[in-house]
């Protein structure tokens, strides 16, 4: 309940910014970044399950960080024009890497990998246009499995 007012203010700000008019003022907080002379950034303190919302007309550009209630980073990446770009990482509550993947214009593209809390790889494969393609490898508690999702993995996505 203590987060209701800040969440309402945040959502209202996005709604107003997307209705046209003057751009919203830059966000100034400890995780802001300066890019091209403008300060931008966002930190979301995560208490419950993440909510994914695409804001395609957003003016938000900058580092995006979600945190667990204990302060550990849950998810980190970069947003350009309101959409995920480049490498995004998510973490377990213990701070160890859970997943890493690439985004282009808000859509999963390229190599993706996941790990368990001990740091063991649990899956790896490729995305093309937001869909799994090619052969994915899974290793869940020592049980190895390979699933072929079909489709061609573009050569530029293959890890070096």
Protein backbone atom coordinates (compact mmCIF):
# COMPACT_ATOMS: atom_id res chain seq x y z
CA UNK A 1 0.00 0.00 0.00
CA UNK A 2 2.90 2.37 0.69
CA UNK A 3 3.85 2.16 -3.01
CA UNK A 4 0.38 3.00 -4.32
CA UNK A 5 0.90 6.78 -4.51
CA UNK A 6 4.37 6.66 -6.19
CA UNK A 7 3.13 4.07 -8.71
CA UNK A 8 0.03 6.20 -9.45
CA UNK A 9 2.18 9.32 -9.94
CA UNK A 10 4.59 7.40 -12.21
CA UNK A 11 1.77 5.98 -14.36
CA UNK A 12 0.00 9.33 -14.52
CA UNK A 13 3.26 10.95 -15.68
CA UNK A 14 3.65 8.37 -18.45
CA UNK A 15 0.03 8.91 -19.51
CA UNK A 16 0.46 12.68 -19.65
CA UNK A 17 3.79 12.45 -21.48
CA UNK A 18 2.30 10.15 -24.11
CA UNK A 19 -0.59 12.53 -24.82
CA UNK A 20 1.60 15.01 -26.66
CA UNK A 21 2.50 18.50 -25.56
CA UNK A 22 5.80 19.30 -23.96
CA UNK A 23 8.20 16.45 -23.14
CA UNK A 24 8.42 15.46 -19.50
CA UNK A 25 11.37 16.77 -17.49
CA UNK A 26 14.39 14.46 -17.24
CA UNK A 27 14.37 11.97 -14.40
CA UNK A 28 16.97 12.79 -11.75
CA UNK A 29 17.87 9.99 -9.37
CA UNK A 30 20.92 8.03 -8.30
CA UNK A 31 20.74 5.73 -11.33
CA UNK A 32 20.36 8.48 -13.90
CA UNK A 33 22.79 8.74 -16.77
CA UNK A 34 23.84 11.72 -18.84
CA UNK A 35 23.65 11.18 -22.57
CA UNK A 36 23.95 13.92 -25.19
CA UNK A 37 23.78 16.54 -22.45
CA UNK A 38 20.47 15.23 -21.04
CA UNK A 39 20.10 13.36 -17.77
CA UNK A 40 17.82 10.33 -17.99
CA UNK A 41 17.29 7.25 -15.87
CA UNK A 42 14.88 5.18 -13.85
CA UNK A 43 15.00 2.94 -10.82
CA UNK A 44 12.02 0.79 -9.89
CA UNK A 45 12.01 -0.82 -6.46
CA UNK A 46 10.54 -4.25 -7.11
CA UNK A 47 8.41 -5.77 -4.39
CA UNK A 48 6.21 -8.18 -6.32
CA UNK A 49 6.23 -9.85 -9.72
CA UNK A 50 7.33 -7.58 -12.58
CA UNK A 51 4.76 -5.94 -14.80
CA UNK A 52 5.75 -5.59 -18.43
CA UNK A 53 4.24 -2.69 -20.34
CA UNK A 54 5.36 -1.49 -23.73
CA UNK A 55 5.30 2.27 -24.06
CA UNK A 56 6.12 2.75 -27.72
CA UNK A 57 5.61 6.51 -27.71
CA UNK A 58 7.65 7.04 -24.55
CA UNK A 59 10.37 9.66 -24.47
CA UNK A 60 12.26 7.65 -21.86
CA UNK A 61 15.83 6.82 -22.78
CA UNK A 62 18.43 5.47 -20.39
CA UNK A 63 19.42 2.75 -18.02
CA UNK A 64 16.54 0.75 -16.56
CA UNK A 65 16.97 -0.97 -13.22
CA UNK A 66 14.45 -3.00 -11.21
CA UNK A 67 15.37 -4.11 -7.69
CA UNK A 68 14.13 -6.74 -5.29
CA UNK A 69 12.82 -5.42 -1.98
CA UNK A 70 16.23 -6.32 -0.45
CA UNK A 71 17.98 -3.87 -2.81
CA UNK A 72 19.58 -6.51 -5.06
CA UNK A 73 19.15 -5.76 -8.77
CA UNK A 74 16.43 -7.92 -10.36
CA UNK A 75 16.68 -6.66 -13.94
CA UNK A 76 18.96 -4.23 -15.75
CA UNK A 77 19.12 -2.98 -19.30
CA UNK A 78 18.88 0.04 -21.55
CA UNK A 79 15.72 1.64 -22.94
CA UNK A 80 15.60 3.79 -26.06
CA UNK A 81 12.34 5.43 -27.03
CA UNK A 82 10.51 3.34 -24.43
CA UNK A 83 11.75 0.00 -25.82
CA UNK A 84 14.40 -2.44 -24.61
CA UNK A 85 17.67 -2.23 -26.57
CA UNK A 86 20.92 -4.16 -26.36
CA UNK A 87 21.92 -6.55 -23.59
CA UNK A 88 19.51 -7.12 -20.70
CA UNK A 89 20.37 -9.11 -17.58
CA UNK A 90 18.22 -10.43 -14.77
CA UNK A 91 19.44 -11.76 -11.45
CA UNK A 92 18.42 -14.20 -8.74
CA UNK A 93 17.65 -12.83 -5.25
CA UNK A 94 21.17 -13.85 -4.20
CA UNK A 95 22.62 -11.47 -6.82
CA UNK A 96 23.87 -14.16 -9.21
CA UNK A 97 23.08 -13.87 -12.90
CA UNK A 98 19.79 -15.54 -13.89
CA UNK A 99 19.55 -14.62 -17.57
CA UNK A 100 21.13 -12.56 -20.29
CA UNK A 101 19.69 -11.75 -23.68
CA UNK A 102 19.63 -9.23 -26.48
CA UNK A 103 16.82 -6.90 -27.54
CA UNK A 104 16.33 -4.80 -30.64
CA UNK A 105 13.42 -2.34 -30.73
CA UNK A 106 11.83 -4.10 -27.74
CA UNK A 107 11.96 -7.57 -29.33
CA UNK A 108 14.18 -10.49 -28.28
CA UNK A 109 16.88 -11.09 -30.89
CA UNK A 110 20.00 -13.22 -30.80
CA UNK A 111 21.68 -15.33 -28.14
CA UNK A 112 20.01 -15.94 -24.77
CA UNK A 113 21.17 -17.90 -21.73
CA UNK A 114 19.81 -18.74 -18.26
CA UNK A 115 21.49 -19.97 -15.06
CA UNK A 116 20.36 -21.50 -11.79
CA UNK A 117 21.13 -19.91 -8.40
CA UNK A 118 24.42 -21.84 -8.18
CA UNK A 119 25.60 -20.38 -11.51
CA UNK A 120 25.10 -23.50 -13.64
CA UNK A 121 23.78 -22.91 -17.16
CA UNK A 122 20.18 -24.16 -17.49
CA UNK A 123 19.35 -23.12 -21.05
CA UNK A 124 20.83 -21.47 -24.10
CA UNK A 125 19.62 -20.73 -27.57
CA UNK A 126 18.61 -18.01 -30.00
CA UNK A 127 15.67 -15.71 -30.61
CA UNK A 128 14.60 -14.24 -33.93
CA UNK A 129 11.82 -11.65 -33.96
CA UNK A 130 10.84 -12.60 -30.40
CA UNK A 131 10.53 -16.34 -31.07
CA UNK A 132 12.86 -19.19 -30.16
CA UNK A 133 14.65 -20.58 -33.23
CA UNK A 134 17.11 -23.36 -33.91
CA UNK A 135 18.29 -25.85 -31.31
CA UNK A 136 18.00 -24.90 -27.65
CA UNK A 137 19.98 -26.75 -25.01
CA UNK A 138 18.55 -27.34 -21.54
CA UNK A 139 20.23 -28.73 -18.42
CA UNK A 140 17.84 -28.96 -15.50
CA UNK A 141 19.36 -30.60 -12.42
CA UNK A 142 21.70 -32.67 -14.57
CA UNK A 143 18.99 -33.76 -17.03
CA UNK A 144 20.16 -32.58 -20.45
CA UNK A 145 17.72 -32.03 -23.25
CA UNK A 146 17.82 -30.44 -26.68
CA UNK A 147 14.77 -28.98 -28.39
CA UNK A 148 14.68 -27.90 -32.01
CA UNK A 149 12.30 -24.97 -32.49
CA UNK A 150 12.92 -24.95 -36.23
CA UNK A 151 13.77 -21.91 -38.23
CA UNK A 152 17.12 -20.55 -39.22
CA UNK A 153 19.45 -18.82 -36.76
CA UNK A 154 20.86 -15.78 -38.60
CA UNK A 155 24.65 -15.97 -38.90
CA UNK A 156 25.12 -12.57 -37.21
CA UNK A 157 23.42 -13.96 -34.06
CA UNK A 158 25.77 -16.90 -33.65
CA UNK A 159 28.02 -16.41 -30.64
CA UNK A 160 31.69 -16.17 -31.44
